[in-house]
């Protein structure tokens, strides 16, 4: 089982940047697909970005259309971390951001962090 703890959220002006980080416990972190999701007020949780394990030290990155070109997901298997760099933020990026994990090959994310709040002011 992997435990996830997010950090890096906060208040930022529109057009600004934030970097979210997720620290994971567990000895087999490198074999997990990792992702970031968000939930805006009054909306359902949605996928933002993910890394899918392909083979040793090789992952496939994937992004929601709404963040393509503005966000970059990266992971450091030596540190058991996965980060989300977000640029050119706008008010629609406001929400609670969750780090998520699933064993490679599974279809659904089944492990979640507690979330970190991101608020973009216009």
PDB file of N, CA and C in Angstrom:
ATOM      1  N   UNK A   1       0.843  -1.192   0.000  1.00  0.00           N
ATOM      2  CA  UNK A   1       0.000   0.000   0.000  1.00  0.00           C
ATOM      3  C   UNK A   1       0.880   1.243   0.000  1.00  0.00           C
ATOM      4  N   UNK A   2       0.459   2.237  -0.756  1.00  0.00           N
ATOM      5  CA  UNK A   2       1.197   3.490  -0.845  1.00  0.00           C
ATOM      6  C   UNK A   2       0.437   4.568  -0.092  1.00  0.00           C
ATOM      7  N   UNK A   3       1.124   5.361   0.685  1.00  0.00           N
ATOM      8  CA  UNK A   3       0.538   6.517   1.343  1.00  0.00           C
ATOM      9  C   UNK A   3       1.009   7.768   0.629  1.00  0.00           C
ATOM     10  N   UNK A   4       0.090   8.700   0.396  1.00  0.00           N
ATOM     11  CA  UNK A   4       0.392   9.888  -0.398  1.00  0.00           C
ATOM     12  C   UNK A   4       0.125  11.152   0.407  1.00  0.00           C
ATOM     13  N   UNK A   5       1.058  12.113   0.326  1.00  0.00           N
ATOM     14  CA  UNK A   5       0.895  13.386   1.008  1.00  0.00           C
ATOM     15  C   UNK A   5       1.245  14.506   0.030  1.00  0.00           C
ATOM     16  N   UNK A   6       0.278  15.377  -0.225  1.00  0.00           N
ATOM     17  CA  UNK A   6       0.488  16.482  -1.144  1.00  0.00           C
ATOM     18  C   UNK A   6       0.954  17.738  -0.412  1.00  0.00           C
ATOM     19  N   UNK A   7       1.630  18.598  -1.141  1.00  0.00           N
ATOM     20  CA  UNK A   7       2.029  19.907  -0.623  1.00  0.00           C
ATOM     21  C   UNK A   7       2.195  20.858  -1.799  1.00  0.00           C
ATOM     22  N   UNK A   8       2.276  22.147  -1.471  1.00  0.00           N
ATOM     23  CA  UNK A   8       2.565  23.142  -2.496  1.00  0.00           C
ATOM     24  C   UNK A   8       1.390  23.970  -2.956  1.00  0.00           C
ATOM     25  N   UNK A   9       0.207  23.683  -2.470  1.00  0.00           N
ATOM     26  CA  UNK A   9      -0.939  24.485  -2.863  1.00  0.00           C
ATOM     27  C   UNK A   9      -0.880  25.873  -2.244  1.00  0.00           C
ATOM     28  N   UNK A  10      -1.801  26.736  -2.667  1.00  0.00           N
ATOM     29  CA  UNK A  10      -1.840  28.078  -2.113  1.00  0.00           C
ATOM     30  C   UNK A  10      -2.637  29.017  -2.981  1.00  0.00           C
ATOM     31  N   UNK A  11      -2.473  30.290  -2.698  1.00  0.00           N
ATOM     32  CA  UNK A  11      -3.167  31.349  -3.433  1.00  0.00           C
ATOM     33  C   UNK A  11      -2.207  31.971  -4.434  1.00  0.00           C
ATOM     34  N   UNK A  12      -2.638  32.099  -5.663  1.00  0.00           N
ATOM     35  CA  UNK A  12      -1.790  32.667  -6.706  1.00  0.00           C
ATOM     36  C   UNK A  12      -2.653  33.530  -7.618  1.00  0.00           C
ATOM     37  N   UNK A  13      -2.067  34.558  -8.169  1.00  0.00           N
ATOM     38  CA  UNK A  13      -2.791  35.414  -9.110  1.00  0.00           C
ATOM     39  C   UNK A  13      -2.886  34.750 -10.483  1.00  0.00           C
ATOM     40  N   UNK A  14      -3.911  35.099 -11.200  1.00  0.00           N
ATOM     41  CA  UNK A  14      -4.070  34.593 -12.564  1.00  0.00           C
ATOM     42  C   UNK A  14      -2.820  34.901 -13.377  1.00  0.00           C
ATOM     43  N   UNK A  15      -2.388  33.918 -14.136  1.00  0.00           N
ATOM     44  CA  UNK A  15      -1.169  34.055 -14.913  1.00  0.00           C
ATOM     45  C   UNK A  15       0.068  33.545 -14.197  1.00  0.00           C
ATOM     46  N   UNK A  16      -0.071  33.279 -12.917  1.00  0.00           N
ATOM     47  CA  UNK A  16       1.058  32.810 -12.131  1.00  0.00           C
ATOM     48  C   UNK A  16       1.279  31.319 -12.236  1.00  0.00           C
ATOM     49  N   UNK A  17       2.209  30.833 -11.411  1.00  0.00           N
ATOM     50  CA  UNK A  17       2.604  29.419 -11.436  1.00  0.00           C
ATOM     51  C   UNK A  17       2.603  28.841 -10.034  1.00  0.00           C
ATOM     52  N   UNK A  18       2.405  27.543  -9.970  1.00  0.00           N
ATOM     53  CA  UNK A  18       2.531  26.797  -8.726  1.00  0.00           C
ATOM     54  C   UNK A  18       3.127  25.441  -9.044  1.00  0.00           C
ATOM     55  N   UNK A  19       3.823  24.897  -8.073  1.00  0.00           N
ATOM     56  CA  UNK A  19       4.349  23.547  -8.203  1.00  0.00           C
ATOM     57  C   UNK A  19       3.833  22.722  -7.045  1.00  0.00           C
ATOM     58  N   UNK A  20       3.073  21.707  -7.371  1.00  0.00           N
ATOM     59  CA  UNK A  20       2.560  20.795  -6.359  1.00  0.00           C
ATOM     60  C   UNK A  20       3.485  19.587  -6.273  1.00  0.00           C
ATOM     61  N   UNK A  21       3.607  19.071  -5.067  1.00  0.00           N
ATOM     62  CA  UNK A  21       4.445  17.899  -4.869  1.00  0.00           C
ATOM     63  C   UNK A  21       3.672  16.843  -4.094  1.00  0.00           C
ATOM     64  N   UNK A  22       3.944  15.596  -4.412  1.00  0.00           N
ATOM     65  CA  UNK A  22       3.316  14.474  -3.723  1.00  0.00           C
ATOM     66  C   UNK A  22       4.421  13.529  -3.277  1.00  0.00           C
ATOM     67  N   UNK A  23       4.472  13.298  -1.982  1.00  0.00           N
ATOM     68  CA  UNK A  23       5.442  12.361  -1.419  1.00  0.00           C
ATOM     69  C   UNK A  23       4.744  11.044  -1.131  1.00  0.00           C
ATOM     70  N   UNK A  24       5.339   9.969  -1.595  1.00  0.00           N
ATOM     71  CA  UNK A  24       4.730   8.651  -1.442  1.00  0.00           C
ATOM     72  C   UNK A  24       5.610   7.748  -0.595  1.00  0.00           C
ATOM     73  N   UNK A  25       4.990   6.968   0.229  1.00  0.00           N
ATOM     74  CA  UNK A  25       5.708   5.943   0.974  1.00  0.00           C
ATOM     75  C   UNK A  25       5.544   4.617   0.241  1.00  0.00           C
ATOM     76  N   UNK A  26       6.381   3.674   0.539  1.00  0.00           N
ATOM     77  CA  UNK A  26       6.243   2.378  -0.107  1.00  0.00           C
ATOM     78  C   UNK A  26       7.477   2.022  -0.905  1.00  0.00           C
ATOM     79  N   UNK A  27       7.835   0.752  -0.864  1.00  0.00           N
ATOM     80  CA  UNK A  27       9.069   0.321  -1.498  1.00  0.00           C
ATOM     81  C   UNK A  27       8.936   0.087  -2.990  1.00  0.00           C
ATOM     82  N   UNK A  28       7.705  -0.015  -3.505  1.00  0.00           N
ATOM     83  CA  UNK A  28       7.518  -0.333  -4.920  1.00  0.00           C
ATOM     84  C   UNK A  28       6.945   0.840  -5.675  1.00  0.00           C
ATOM     85  N   UNK A  29       7.290   2.052  -5.266  1.00  0.00           N
ATOM     86  CA  UNK A  29       6.748   3.265  -5.887  1.00  0.00           C
ATOM     87  C   UNK A  29       6.962   3.264  -7.387  1.00  0.00           C
ATOM     88  N   UNK A  30       8.092   2.782  -7.845  1.00  0.00           N
ATOM     89  CA  UNK A  30       8.425   2.866  -9.265  1.00  0.00           C
ATOM     90  C   UNK A  30       7.474   2.067 -10.140  1.00  0.00           C
ATOM     91  N   UNK A  31       6.746   1.102  -9.547  1.00  0.00           N
ATOM     92  CA  UNK A  31       5.824   0.290 -10.337  1.00  0.00           C
ATOM     93  C   UNK A  31       4.393   0.813 -10.285  1.00  0.00           C
ATOM     94  N   UNK A  32       4.200   1.998  -9.725  1.00  0.00           N
ATOM     95  CA  UNK A  32       2.875   2.587  -9.647  1.00  0.00           C
ATOM     96  C   UNK A  32       2.678   3.630 -10.742  1.00  0.00           C
ATOM     97  N   UNK A  33       1.487   3.637 -11.297  1.00  0.00           N
ATOM     98  CA  UNK A  33       1.065   4.773 -12.102  1.00  0.00           C
ATOM     99  C   UNK A  33       0.652   5.871 -11.130  1.00  0.00           C
ATOM    100  N   UNK A  34       1.079   7.093 -11.406  1.00  0.00           N
ATOM    101  CA  UNK A  34       0.790   8.212 -10.517  1.00  0.00           C
ATOM    102  C   UNK A  34       0.026   9.282 -11.284  1.00  0.00           C
ATOM    103  N   UNK A  35      -0.873   9.939 -10.595  1.00  0.00           N
ATOM    104  CA  UNK A  35      -1.660  10.954 -11.269  1.00  0.00           C
ATOM    105  C   UNK A  35      -2.044  12.094 -10.361  1.00  0.00           C
ATOM    106  N   UNK A  36      -2.496  13.151 -10.983  1.00  0.00           N
ATOM    107  CA  UNK A  36      -3.053  14.311 -10.273  1.00  0.00           C
ATOM    108  C   UNK A  36      -4.489  14.524 -10.753  1.00  0.00           C
ATOM    109  N   UNK A  37      -5.354  14.747  -9.802  1.00  0.00           N
ATOM    110  CA  UNK A  37      -6.750  15.049 -10.078  1.00  0.00           C
ATOM    111  C   UNK A  37      -7.100  16.345  -9.355  1.00  0.00           C
ATOM    112  N   UNK A  38      -8.210  16.935  -9.723  1.00  0.00           N
ATOM    113  CA  UNK A  38      -8.662  18.129  -9.010  1.00  0.00           C
ATOM    114  C   UNK A  38     -10.180  18.135  -8.923  1.00  0.00           C
ATOM    115  N   UNK A  39     -10.669  18.834  -7.931  1.00  0.00           N
ATOM    116  CA  UNK A  39     -12.108  18.998  -7.753  1.00  0.00           C
ATOM    117  C   UNK A  39     -12.407  20.453  -7.465  1.00  0.00           C
ATOM    118  N   UNK A  40     -13.124  21.065  -8.386  1.00  0.00           N
ATOM    119  CA  UNK A  40     -13.545  22.455  -8.213  1.00  0.00           C
ATOM    120  C   UNK A  40     -14.835  22.491  -7.408  1.00  0.00           C
ATOM    121  N   UNK A  41     -15.124  23.613  -6.764  1.00  0.00           N
ATOM    122  CA  UNK A  41     -16.362  23.723  -5.985  1.00  0.00           C
ATOM    123  C   UNK A  41     -17.589  23.409  -6.833  1.00  0.00           C
ATOM    124  N   UNK A  42     -18.412  22.500  -6.351  1.00  0.00           N
ATOM    125  CA  UNK A  42     -19.632  22.153  -7.051  1.00  0.00           C
ATOM    126  C   UNK A  42     -19.461  21.250  -8.247  1.00  0.00           C
ATOM    127  N   UNK A  43     -18.243  20.781  -8.464  1.00  0.00           N
ATOM    128  CA  UNK A  43     -17.986  19.918  -9.625  1.00  0.00           C
ATOM    129  C   UNK A  43     -17.414  18.577  -9.186  1.00  0.00           C
ATOM    130  N   UNK A  44     -17.453  17.634 -10.086  1.00  0.00           N
ATOM    131  CA  UNK A  44     -16.879  16.326  -9.800  1.00  0.00           C
ATOM    132  C   UNK A  44     -15.352  16.375  -9.956  1.00  0.00           C
ATOM    133  N   UNK A  45     -14.728  15.450  -9.308  1.00  0.00           N
ATOM    134  CA  UNK A  45     -13.272  15.346  -9.432  1.00  0.00           C
ATOM    135  C   UNK A  45     -12.908  14.956 -10.863  1.00  0.00           C
ATOM    136  N   UNK A  46     -11.853  15.583 -11.384  1.00  0.00           N
ATOM    137  CA  UNK A  46     -11.454  15.322 -12.764  1.00  0.00           C
ATOM    138  C   UNK A  46      -9.958  15.060 -12.855  1.00  0.00           C
ATOM    139  N   UNK A  47      -9.597  14.302 -13.853  1.00  0.00           N
ATOM    140  CA  UNK A  47      -8.193  13.989 -14.127  1.00  0.00           C
ATOM    141  C   UNK A  47      -7.478  15.234 -14.627  1.00  0.00           C
ATOM    142  N   UNK A  48      -6.261  15.426 -14.165  1.00  0.00           N
ATOM    143  CA  UNK A  48      -5.431  16.538 -14.626  1.00  0.00           C
ATOM    144  C   UNK A  48      -4.222  16.024 -15.403  1.00  0.00           C
ATOM    145  N   UNK A  49      -3.462  15.126 -14.793  1.00  0.00           N
ATOM    146  CA  UNK A  49      -2.247  14.620 -15.440  1.00  0.00           C
ATOM    147  C   UNK A  49      -1.870  13.289 -14.797  1.00  0.00           C
ATOM    148  N   UNK A  50      -1.129  12.472 -15.564  1.00  0.00           N
ATOM    149  CA  UNK A  50      -0.720  11.188 -15.025  1.00  0.00           C
ATOM    150  C   UNK A  50       0.533  10.663 -15.680  1.00  0.00           C
ATOM    151  N   UNK A  51       1.197   9.742 -14.993  1.00  0.00           N
ATOM    152  CA  UNK A  51       2.336   9.029 -15.562  1.00  0.00           C
ATOM    153  C   UNK A  51       2.036   7.541 -15.495  1.00  0.00           C
ATOM    154  N   UNK A  52       2.107   6.886 -16.631  1.00  0.00           N
ATOM    155  CA  UNK A  52       1.810   5.461 -16.731  1.00  0.00           C
ATOM    156  C   UNK A  52       3.107   4.682 -16.904  1.00  0.00           C
ATOM    157  N   UNK A  53       3.292   3.671 -16.074  1.00  0.00           N
ATOM    158  CA  UNK A  53       4.501   2.855 -16.144  1.00  0.00           C
ATOM    159  C   UNK A  53       4.490   2.068 -17.441  1.00  0.00           C
ATOM    160  N   UNK A  54       5.575   2.153 -18.203  1.00  0.00           N
ATOM    161  CA  UNK A  54       5.726   1.383 -19.434  1.00  0.00           C
ATOM    162  C   UNK A  54       6.708   0.246 -19.213  1.00  0.00           C
ATOM    163  N   UNK A  55       7.864   0.563 -18.710  1.00  0.00           N
ATOM    164  CA  UNK A  55       8.898  -0.397 -18.356  1.00  0.00           C
ATOM    165  C   UNK A  55       9.851   0.325 -17.413  1.00  0.00           C
ATOM    166  N   UNK A  56      10.865  -0.350 -16.957  1.00  0.00           N
ATOM    167  CA  UNK A  56      11.778   0.240 -15.989  1.00  0.00           C
ATOM    168  C   UNK A  56      12.267   1.605 -16.460  1.00  0.00           C
ATOM    169  N   UNK A  57      12.047   2.607 -15.606  1.00  0.00           N
ATOM    170  CA  UNK A  57      12.499   3.978 -15.852  1.00  0.00           C
ATOM    171  C   UNK A  57      11.855   4.628 -17.073  1.00  0.00           C
ATOM    172  N   UNK A  58      10.743   4.093 -17.519  1.00  0.00           N
ATOM    173  CA  UNK A  58      10.047   4.663 -18.677  1.00  0.00           C
ATOM    174  C   UNK A  58       8.579   4.819 -18.341  1.00  0.00           C
ATOM    175  N   UNK A  59       8.087   6.040 -18.475  1.00  0.00           N
ATOM    176  CA  UNK A  59       6.697   6.335 -18.167  1.00  0.00           C
ATOM    177  C   UNK A  59       6.098   7.141 -19.304  1.00  0.00           C
ATOM    178  N   UNK A  60       4.807   6.994 -19.484  1.00  0.00           N
ATOM    179  CA  UNK A  60       4.070   7.759 -20.466  1.00  0.00           C
ATOM    180  C   UNK A  60       3.287   8.848 -19.755  1.00  0.00           C
ATOM    181  N   UNK A  61       3.474  10.080 -20.172  1.00  0.00           N
ATOM    182  CA  UNK A  61       2.754  11.191 -19.574  1.00  0.00           C
ATOM    183  C   UNK A  61       1.454  11.443 -20.312  1.00  0.00           C
ATOM    184  N   UNK A  62       0.446  11.880 -19.574  1.00  0.00           N
ATOM    185  CA  UNK A  62      -0.859  12.147 -20.155  1.00  0.00           C
ATOM    186  C   UNK A  62      -1.455  13.357 -19.449  1.00  0.00           C
ATOM    187  N   UNK A  63      -2.197  14.180 -20.204  1.00  0.00           N
ATOM    188  CA  UNK A  63      -2.738  15.418 -19.654  1.00  0.00           C
ATOM    189  C   UNK A  63      -4.173  15.628 -20.113  1.00  0.00           C
ATOM    190  N   UNK A  64      -4.945  16.247 -19.256  1.00  0.00           N
ATOM    191  CA  UNK A  64      -6.267  16.697 -19.664  1.00  0.00           C
ATOM    192  C   UNK A  64      -6.102  17.822 -20.680  1.00  0.00           C
ATOM    193  N   UNK A  65      -7.037  17.914 -21.590  1.00  0.00           N
ATOM    194  CA  UNK A  65      -6.951  18.952 -22.624  1.00  0.00           C
ATOM    195  C   UNK A  65      -6.884  20.345 -22.015  1.00  0.00           C
ATOM    196  N   UNK A  66      -7.553  20.521 -20.882  1.00  0.00           N
ATOM    197  CA  UNK A  66      -7.632  21.841 -20.265  1.00  0.00           C
ATOM    198  C   UNK A  66      -6.297  22.334 -19.720  1.00  0.00           C
ATOM    199  N   UNK A  67      -5.316  21.426 -19.543  1.00  0.00           N
ATOM    200  CA  UNK A  67      -4.033  21.835 -18.972  1.00  0.00           C
ATOM    201  C   UNK A  67      -2.860  21.570 -19.899  1.00  0.00           C
ATOM    202  N   UNK A  68      -3.105  20.971 -21.050  1.00  0.00           N
ATOM    203  CA  UNK A  68      -2.009  20.680 -21.979  1.00  0.00           C
ATOM    204  C   UNK A  68      -1.290  21.960 -22.362  1.00  0.00           C
ATOM    205  N   UNK A  69       0.016  21.891 -22.322  1.00  0.00           N
ATOM    206  CA  UNK A  69       0.831  23.046 -22.647  1.00  0.00           C
ATOM    207  C   UNK A  69       1.072  23.977 -21.469  1.00  0.00           C
ATOM    208  N   UNK A  70       0.330  23.777 -20.384  1.00  0.00           N
ATOM    209  CA  UNK A  70       0.491  24.634 -19.200  1.00  0.00           C
ATOM    210  C   UNK A  70       1.008  23.860 -17.996  1.00  0.00           C
ATOM    211  N   UNK A  71       0.840  22.547 -18.006  1.00  0.00           N
ATOM    212  CA  UNK A  71       1.229  21.739 -16.858  1.00  0.00           C
ATOM    213  C   UNK A  71       2.201  20.648 -17.278  1.00  0.00           C
ATOM    214  N   UNK A  72       3.075  20.316 -16.350  1.00  0.00           N
ATOM    215  CA  UNK A  72       4.035  19.242 -16.574  1.00  0.00           C
ATOM    216  C   UNK A  72       4.075  18.361 -15.334  1.00  0.00           C
ATOM    217  N   UNK A  73       3.887  17.065 -15.532  1.00  0.00           N
ATOM    218  CA  UNK A  73       4.001  16.113 -14.435  1.00  0.00           C
ATOM    219  C   UNK A  73       5.362  15.455 -14.517  1.00  0.00           C
ATOM    220  N   UNK A  74       5.991  15.293 -13.375  1.00  0.00           N
ATOM    221  CA  UNK A  74       7.299  14.657 -13.338  1.00  0.00           C
ATOM    222  C   UNK A  74       7.396  13.812 -12.075  1.00  0.00           C
ATOM    223  N   UNK A  75       8.209  12.793 -12.115  1.00  0.00           N
ATOM    224  CA  UNK A  75       8.370  11.923 -10.962  1.00  0.00           C
ATOM    225  C   UNK A  75       9.836  11.628 -10.742  1.00  0.00           C
ATOM    226  N   UNK A  76      10.176  11.410  -9.493  1.00  0.00           N
ATOM    227  CA  UNK A  76      11.528  11.036  -9.100  1.00  0.00           C
ATOM    228  C   UNK A  76      11.400   9.761  -8.282  1.00  0.00           C
ATOM    229  N   UNK A  77      11.678   8.629  -8.910  1.00  0.00           N
ATOM    230  CA  UNK A  77      11.498   7.360  -8.223  1.00  0.00           C
ATOM    231  C   UNK A  77      12.517   7.167  -7.103  1.00  0.00           C
ATOM    232  N   UNK A  78      13.629   7.863  -7.179  1.00  0.00           N
ATOM    233  CA  UNK A  78      14.609   7.776  -6.100  1.00  0.00           C
ATOM    234  C   UNK A  78      14.129   8.468  -4.839  1.00  0.00           C
ATOM    235  N   UNK A  79      13.307   9.490  -5.002  1.00  0.00           N
ATOM    236  CA  UNK A  79      12.775  10.244  -3.866  1.00  0.00           C
ATOM    237  C   UNK A  79      11.319   9.905  -3.577  1.00  0.00           C
ATOM    238  N   UNK A  80      10.723   9.055  -4.393  1.00  0.00           N
ATOM    239  CA  UNK A  80       9.302   8.706  -4.237  1.00  0.00           C
ATOM    240  C   UNK A  80       8.412   9.947  -4.290  1.00  0.00           C
ATOM    241  N   UNK A  81       8.640  10.780  -5.254  1.00  0.00           N
ATOM    242  CA  UNK A  81       7.830  11.987  -5.387  1.00  0.00           C
ATOM    243  C   UNK A  81       7.302  12.118  -6.815  1.00  0.00           C
ATOM    244  N   UNK A  82       6.158  12.763  -6.922  1.00  0.00           N
ATOM    245  CA  UNK A  82       5.610  13.128  -8.223  1.00  0.00           C
ATOM    246  C   UNK A  82       5.124  14.566  -8.111  1.00  0.00           C
ATOM    247  N   UNK A  83       5.573  15.397  -9.014  1.00  0.00           N
ATOM    248  CA  UNK A  83       5.279  16.820  -8.971  1.00  0.00           C
ATOM    249  C   UNK A  83       4.392  17.229 -10.137  1.00  0.00           C
ATOM    250  N   UNK A  84       3.683  18.321  -9.933  1.00  0.00           N
ATOM    251  CA  UNK A  84       2.877  18.908 -10.993  1.00  0.00           C
ATOM    252  C   UNK A  84       3.225  20.387 -11.072  1.00  0.00           C
ATOM    253  N   UNK A  85       3.904  20.773 -12.140  1.00  0.00           N
ATOM    254  CA  UNK A  85       4.226  22.173 -12.378  1.00  0.00           C
ATOM    255  C   UNK A  85       3.088  22.785 -13.191  1.00  0.00           C
ATOM    256  N   UNK A  86       2.499  23.846 -12.658  1.00  0.00           N
ATOM    257  CA  UNK A  86       1.361  24.478 -13.323  1.00  0.00           C
ATOM    258  C   UNK A  86       1.703  25.926 -13.645  1.00  0.00           C
ATOM    259  N   UNK A  87       1.562  26.301 -14.896  1.00  0.00           N
ATOM    260  CA  UNK A  87       1.860  27.651 -15.357  1.00  0.00           C
ATOM    261  C   UNK A  87       0.614  28.284 -15.972  1.00  0.00           C
ATOM    262  N   UNK A  88       0.685  29.584 -16.128  1.00  0.00           N
ATOM    263  CA  UNK A  88      -0.416  30.339 -16.742  1.00  0.00           C
ATOM    264  C   UNK A  88      -1.763  29.975 -16.117  1.00  0.00           C
ATOM    265  N   UNK A  89      -1.777  29.999 -14.810  1.00  0.00           N
ATOM    266  CA  UNK A  89      -2.983  29.590 -14.089  1.00  0.00           C
ATOM    267  C   UNK A  89      -4.120  30.583 -14.304  1.00  0.00           C
ATOM    268  N   UNK A  90      -5.340  30.053 -14.320  1.00  0.00           N
ATOM    269  CA  UNK A  90      -6.530  30.891 -14.417  1.00  0.00           C
ATOM    270  C   UNK A  90      -7.543  30.432 -13.380  1.00  0.00           C
ATOM    271  N   UNK A  91      -8.631  31.167 -13.275  1.00  0.00           N
ATOM    272  CA  UNK A  91      -9.609  30.895 -12.216  1.00  0.00           C
ATOM    273  C   UNK A  91     -10.206  29.497 -12.326  1.00  0.00           C
ATOM    274  N   UNK A  92     -10.238  28.940 -13.507  1.00  0.00           N
ATOM    275  CA  UNK A  92     -10.793  27.598 -13.677  1.00  0.00           C
ATOM    276  C   UNK A  92      -9.868  26.512 -13.134  1.00  0.00           C
ATOM    277  N   UNK A  93      -8.667  26.873 -12.778  1.00  0.00           N
ATOM    278  CA  UNK A  93      -7.748  25.916 -12.164  1.00  0.00           C
ATOM    279  C   UNK A  93      -7.948  25.836 -10.654  1.00  0.00           C
ATOM    280  N   UNK A  94      -8.803  26.671 -10.113  1.00  0.00           N
ATOM    281  CA  UNK A  94      -9.067  26.645  -8.675  1.00  0.00           C
ATOM    282  C   UNK A  94      -9.727  25.334  -8.271  1.00  0.00           C
ATOM    283  N   UNK A  95      -9.252  24.767  -7.173  1.00  0.00           N
ATOM    284  CA  UNK A  95      -9.841  23.537  -6.674  1.00  0.00           C
ATOM    285  C   UNK A  95      -8.917  22.839  -5.706  1.00  0.00           C
ATOM    286  N   UNK A  96      -9.371  21.705  -5.241  1.00  0.00           N
ATOM    287  CA  UNK A  96      -8.540  20.860  -4.403  1.00  0.00           C
ATOM    288  C   UNK A  96      -7.846  19.862  -5.321  1.00  0.00           C
ATOM    289  N   UNK A  97      -6.533  19.790  -5.202  1.00  0.00           N
ATOM    290  CA  UNK A  97      -5.738  18.904  -6.047  1.00  0.00           C
ATOM    291  C   UNK A  97      -5.330  17.674  -5.248  1.00  0.00           C
ATOM    292  N   UNK A  98      -5.569  16.524  -5.844  1.00  0.00           N
ATOM    293  CA  UNK A  98      -5.293  15.250  -5.199  1.00  0.00           C
ATOM    294  C   UNK A  98      -4.238  14.472  -5.973  1.00  0.00           C
ATOM    295  N   UNK A  99      -3.331  13.910  -5.243  1.00  0.00           N
ATOM    296  CA  UNK A  99      -2.387  12.955  -5.803  1.00  0.00           C
ATOM    297  C   UNK A  99      -3.023  11.567  -5.714  1.00  0.00           C
ATOM    298  N   UNK A 100      -2.791  10.749  -6.735  1.00  0.00           N
ATOM    299  CA  UNK A 100      -3.403   9.423  -6.758  1.00  0.00           C
ATOM    300  C   UNK A 100      -2.414   8.398  -7.296  1.00  0.00           C
ATOM    301  N   UNK A 101      -2.639   7.160  -6.909  1.00  0.00           N
ATOM    302  CA  UNK A 101      -1.758   6.077  -7.331  1.00  0.00           C
ATOM    303  C   UNK A 101      -2.571   4.831  -7.660  1.00  0.00           C
ATOM    304  N   UNK A 102      -2.046   4.033  -8.552  1.00  0.00           N
ATOM    305  CA  UNK A 102      -2.615   2.707  -8.816  1.00  0.00           C
ATOM    306  C   UNK A 102      -1.488   1.802  -9.275  1.00  0.00           C
ATOM    307  N   UNK A 103      -1.607   0.548  -8.991  1.00  0.00           N
ATOM    308  CA  UNK A 103      -0.598  -0.397  -9.444  1.00  0.00           C
ATOM    309  C   UNK A 103      -0.601  -0.426 -10.971  1.00  0.00           C
ATOM    310  N   UNK A 104       0.587  -0.519 -11.556  1.00  0.00           N
ATOM    311  CA  UNK A 104       0.715  -0.541 -13.014  1.00  0.00           C
ATOM    312  C   UNK A 104      -0.173  -1.629 -13.601  1.00  0.00           C
ATOM    313  N   UNK A 105      -0.950  -1.270 -14.605  1.00  0.00           N
ATOM    314  CA  UNK A 105      -1.824  -2.230 -15.258  1.00  0.00           C
ATOM    315  C   UNK A 105      -3.270  -2.173 -14.790  1.00  0.00           C
ATOM    316  N   UNK A 106      -3.494  -1.606 -13.623  1.00  0.00           N
ATOM    317  CA  UNK A 106      -4.871  -1.467 -13.146  1.00  0.00           C
ATOM    318  C   UNK A 106      -5.538  -0.299 -13.857  1.00  0.00           C
ATOM    319  N   UNK A 107      -6.848  -0.351 -13.938  1.00  0.00           N
ATOM    320  CA  UNK A 107      -7.562   0.676 -14.689  1.00  0.00           C
ATOM    321  C   UNK A 107      -7.955   1.869 -13.833  1.00  0.00           C
ATOM    322  N   UNK A 108      -8.162   1.666 -12.549  1.00  0.00           N
ATOM    323  CA  UNK A 108      -8.653   2.754 -11.698  1.00  0.00           C
ATOM    324  C   UNK A 108      -7.624   3.117 -10.631  1.00  0.00           C
ATOM    325  N   UNK A 109      -7.513   4.403 -10.366  1.00  0.00           N
ATOM    326  CA  UNK A 109      -6.707   4.861  -9.241  1.00  0.00           C
ATOM    327  C   UNK A 109      -7.422   4.482  -7.947  1.00  0.00           C
ATOM    328  N   UNK A 110      -6.679   3.916  -7.012  1.00  0.00           N
ATOM    329  CA  UNK A 110      -7.323   3.420  -5.808  1.00  0.00           C
ATOM    330  C   UNK A 110      -6.685   3.930  -4.525  1.00  0.00           C
ATOM    331  N   UNK A 111      -5.684   4.759  -4.641  1.00  0.00           N
ATOM    332  CA  UNK A 111      -5.044   5.338  -3.467  1.00  0.00           C
ATOM    333  C   UNK A 111      -4.972   6.842  -3.663  1.00  0.00           C
ATOM    334  N   UNK A 112      -5.409   7.584  -2.635  1.00  0.00           N
ATOM    335  CA  UNK A 112      -5.527   9.033  -2.768  1.00  0.00           C
ATOM    336  C   UNK A 112      -4.874   9.746  -1.593  1.00  0.00           C
ATOM    337  N   UNK A 113      -4.328  10.912  -1.885  1.00  0.00           N
ATOM    338  CA  UNK A 113      -3.857  11.771  -0.819  1.00  0.00           C
ATOM    339  C   UNK A 113      -4.997  12.579  -0.246  1.00  0.00           C
ATOM    340  N   UNK A 114      -4.679  13.437   0.712  1.00  0.00           N
ATOM    341  CA  UNK A 114      -5.710  14.203   1.399  1.00  0.00           C
ATOM    342  C   UNK A 114      -6.096  15.469   0.627  1.00  0.00           C
ATOM    343  N   UNK A 115      -5.291  15.846  -0.339  1.00  0.00           N
ATOM    344  CA  UNK A 115      -5.585  17.003  -1.175  1.00  0.00           C
ATOM    345  C   UNK A 115      -4.907  18.270  -0.700  1.00  0.00           C
ATOM    346  N   UNK A 116      -4.672  19.167  -1.642  1.00  0.00           N
ATOM    347  CA  UNK A 116      -4.109  20.475  -1.326  1.00  0.00           C
ATOM    348  C   UNK A 116      -4.877  21.526  -2.128  1.00  0.00           C
ATOM    349  N   UNK A 117      -5.194  22.624  -1.467  1.00  0.00           N
ATOM    350  CA  UNK A 117      -6.035  23.650  -2.085  1.00  0.00           C
ATOM    351  C   UNK A 117      -5.214  24.559  -2.983  1.00  0.00           C
ATOM    352  N   UNK A 118      -5.730  24.795  -4.180  1.00  0.00           N
ATOM    353  CA  UNK A 118      -5.162  25.773  -5.100  1.00  0.00           C
ATOM    354  C   UNK A 118      -6.248  26.805  -5.401  1.00  0.00           C
ATOM    355  N   UNK A 119      -5.933  28.060  -5.161  1.00  0.00           N
ATOM    356  CA  UNK A 119      -6.878  29.138  -5.431  1.00  0.00           C
ATOM    357  C   UNK A 119      -6.218  30.158  -6.340  1.00  0.00           C
ATOM    358  N   UNK A 120      -6.847  30.405  -7.470  1.00  0.00           N
ATOM    359  CA  UNK A 120      -6.324  31.370  -8.431  1.00  0.00           C
ATOM    360  C   UNK A 120      -7.228  32.596  -8.411  1.00  0.00           C
ATOM    361  N   UNK A 121      -6.647  33.728  -8.078  1.00  0.00           N
ATOM    362  CA  UNK A 121      -7.421  34.972  -8.008  1.00  0.00           C
ATOM    363  C   UNK A 121      -7.286  35.746  -9.319  1.00  0.00           C
ATOM    364  N   UNK A 122      -8.374  36.329  -9.741  1.00  0.00           N
ATOM    365  CA  UNK A 122      -8.360  37.071 -11.009  1.00  0.00           C
ATOM    366  C   UNK A 122      -8.104  38.544 -10.785  1.00  0.00           C
TER     367      UNK A 122
END
